[in-house]
C-alpha atoms as a PDB file:
ATOM      1  CA  UNK A   1      15.600   2.319  17.631  1.00  0.00           C
ATOM      2  CA  UNK A   2      19.269   2.116  16.843  1.00  0.00           C
ATOM      3  CA  UNK A   3      21.479   4.512  14.912  1.00  0.00           C
ATOM      4  CA  UNK A   4      21.389   2.363  11.768  1.00  0.00           C
ATOM      5  CA  UNK A   5      17.591   2.458  11.709  1.00  0.00           C
ATOM      6  CA  UNK A   6      17.566   6.245  12.212  1.00  0.00           C
ATOM      7  CA  UNK A   7      19.987   6.494   9.293  1.00  0.00           C
ATOM      8  CA  UNK A   8      17.686   4.339   7.114  1.00  0.00           C
ATOM      9  CA  UNK A   9      14.779   6.707   7.843  1.00  0.00           C
ATOM     10  CA  UNK A  10      16.991   9.742   7.125  1.00  0.00           C
ATOM     11  CA  UNK A  11      18.261   8.254   3.842  1.00  0.00           C
ATOM     12  CA  UNK A  12      14.741   7.411   2.672  1.00  0.00           C
ATOM     13  CA  UNK A  13      13.505  10.932   3.401  1.00  0.00           C
ATOM     14  CA  UNK A  14      16.558  12.495   1.737  1.00  0.00           C
ATOM     15  CA  UNK A  15      15.742  10.424  -1.358  1.00  0.00           C
ATOM     16  CA  UNK A  16      12.193  11.762  -1.409  1.00  0.00           C
ATOM     17  CA  UNK A  17      13.503  15.298  -1.089  1.00  0.00           C
ATOM     18  CA  UNK A  18      15.902  14.737  -4.009  1.00  0.00           C
ATOM     19  CA  UNK A  19      12.964  13.473  -6.107  1.00  0.00           C
ATOM     20  CA  UNK A  20      11.251  16.769  -5.272  1.00  0.00           C
ATOM     21  CA  UNK A  21      14.365  18.699  -6.431  1.00  0.00           C
ATOM     22  CA  UNK A  22      15.122  19.692  -2.812  1.00  0.00           C
ATOM     23  CA  UNK A  23      18.870  19.243  -2.388  1.00  0.00           C
ATOM     24  CA  UNK A  24      19.154  21.235   0.833  1.00  0.00           C
ATOM     25  CA  UNK A  25      20.640  19.587   3.898  1.00  0.00           C
ATOM     26  CA  UNK A  26      18.402  17.421   6.049  1.00  0.00           C
ATOM     27  CA  UNK A  27      18.761  17.674   9.823  1.00  0.00           C
ATOM     28  CA  UNK A  28      16.829  15.305  12.069  1.00  0.00           C
ATOM     29  CA  UNK A  29      14.692  18.134  13.471  1.00  0.00           C
ATOM     30  CA  UNK A  30      13.872  19.810  10.124  1.00  0.00           C
ATOM     31  CA  UNK A  31      10.180  20.223   9.328  1.00  0.00           C
ATOM     32  CA  UNK A  32       9.287  18.279   6.204  1.00  0.00           C
ATOM     33  CA  UNK A  33       5.494  18.105   5.909  1.00  0.00           C
ATOM     34  CA  UNK A  34       4.362  21.300   7.609  1.00  0.00           C
ATOM     35  CA  UNK A  35       7.051  23.260   5.734  1.00  0.00           C
ATOM     36  CA  UNK A  36       5.859  21.832   2.420  1.00  0.00           C
ATOM     37  CA  UNK A  37       9.106  19.999   1.636  1.00  0.00           C
ATOM     38  CA  UNK A  38       7.164  16.711   1.453  1.00  0.00           C
ATOM     39  CA  UNK A  39       3.751  16.233  -0.145  1.00  0.00           C
ATOM     40  CA  UNK A  40       0.901  14.090   1.119  1.00  0.00           C
ATOM     41  CA  UNK A  41       1.919  11.443  -1.432  1.00  0.00           C
ATOM     42  CA  UNK A  42       5.437  11.510   0.026  1.00  0.00           C
ATOM     43  CA  UNK A  43       3.898  10.836   3.452  1.00  0.00           C
ATOM     44  CA  UNK A  44       2.089   7.792   2.027  1.00  0.00           C
ATOM     45  CA  UNK A  45       5.370   6.609   0.497  1.00  0.00           C
ATOM     46  CA  UNK A  46       7.059   7.087   3.870  1.00  0.00           C
ATOM     47  CA  UNK A  47       4.359   5.086   5.627  1.00  0.00           C
ATOM     48  CA  UNK A  48       4.753   2.293   3.067  1.00  0.00           C
ATOM     49  CA  UNK A  49       8.534   2.340   3.627  1.00  0.00           C
ATOM     50  CA  UNK A  50       8.048   2.079   7.408  1.00  0.00           C
ATOM     51  CA  UNK A  51       5.588  -0.783   7.007  1.00  0.00           C
ATOM     52  CA  UNK A  52       7.929  -2.734   4.745  1.00  0.00           C
ATOM     53  CA  UNK A  53      11.238  -1.978   6.460  1.00  0.00           C
ATOM     54  CA  UNK A  54      10.213  -2.059  10.119  1.00  0.00           C
ATOM     55  CA  UNK A  55       6.949  -4.016  10.065  1.00  0.00           C
ATOM     56  CA  UNK A  56       5.260  -0.862  11.351  1.00  0.00           C
ATOM     57  CA  UNK A  57       1.466  -0.724  11.420  1.00  0.00           C
ATOM     58  CA  UNK A  58      -0.604   2.395  11.892  1.00  0.00           C
ATOM     59  CA  UNK A  59      -4.298   2.460  12.597  1.00  0.00           C
ATOM     60  CA  UNK A  60      -5.796   4.862  10.021  1.00  0.00           C
ATOM     61  CA  UNK A  61      -7.854   6.430  12.797  1.00  0.00           C
ATOM     62  CA  UNK A  62      -4.625   7.504  14.520  1.00  0.00           C
ATOM     63  CA  UNK A  63      -3.013   8.912  11.372  1.00  0.00           C
ATOM     64  CA  UNK A  64      -1.511  12.338  11.976  1.00  0.00           C
ATOM     65  CA  UNK A  65       0.729  13.910   9.349  1.00  0.00           C
ATOM     66  CA  UNK A  66       2.638  15.838  12.026  1.00  0.00           C
ATOM     67  CA  UNK A  67       4.094  12.491  13.140  1.00  0.00           C
ATOM     68  CA  UNK A  68       5.820  12.435   9.728  1.00  0.00           C
ATOM     69  CA  UNK A  69       7.153  16.000   9.948  1.00  0.00           C
ATOM     70  CA  UNK A  70      10.783  15.203  10.776  1.00  0.00           C
ATOM     71  CA  UNK A  71      13.237  12.366  11.167  1.00  0.00           C
ATOM     72  CA  UNK A  72      12.925  12.846  14.944  1.00  0.00           C
ATOM     73  CA  UNK A  73       9.120  12.650  14.937  1.00  0.00           C
ATOM     74  CA  UNK A  74       9.146   9.513  12.764  1.00  0.00           C
ATOM     75  CA  UNK A  75      11.705   7.830  15.012  1.00  0.00           C
ATOM     76  CA  UNK A  76       9.661   8.801  18.081  1.00  0.00           C
ATOM     77  CA  UNK A  77       6.539   7.323  16.464  1.00  0.00           C
ATOM     78  CA  UNK A  78       8.381   4.059  15.773  1.00  0.00           C
ATOM     79  CA  UNK A  79       9.734   3.931  19.316  1.00  0.00           C
ATOM     80  CA  UNK A  80       6.244   4.576  20.683  1.00  0.00           C
ATOM     81  CA  UNK A  81       5.030   1.605  18.637  1.00  0.00           C
ATOM     82  CA  UNK A  82       7.760  -0.558  20.169  1.00  0.00           C
ATOM     83  CA  UNK A  83       9.804  -0.881  16.977  1.00  0.00           C
ATOM     84  CA  UNK A  84      13.296  -1.665  18.198  1.00  0.00           C
ATOM     85  CA  UNK A  85      14.831  -3.694  15.399  1.00  0.00           C
ATOM     86  CA  UNK A  86      14.958  -3.943  11.630  1.00  0.00           C
ATOM     87  CA  UNK A  87      12.541  -6.649  10.484  1.00  0.00           C
ATOM     88  CA  UNK A  88      14.181  -7.223   7.082  1.00  0.00           C
END
């Protein structure tokens, strides 16, 4: 995953945080789900974003909200799935 793609993930998550009135800084390692900064609906929105932007598919059986807990964990999940380029 390249820097531009990491930035797209970061920008999307920052937008969700702003919608939740959370204007604090977002570092790539910051906990988002387990800390309560993102809701379960935000996780679904994030999954939809990843599906549309990167053609990412997740088997519902393998769903684990901790994989959505930070920019780093999302990027790692995409890399694990072999996502290496923007499909849009």
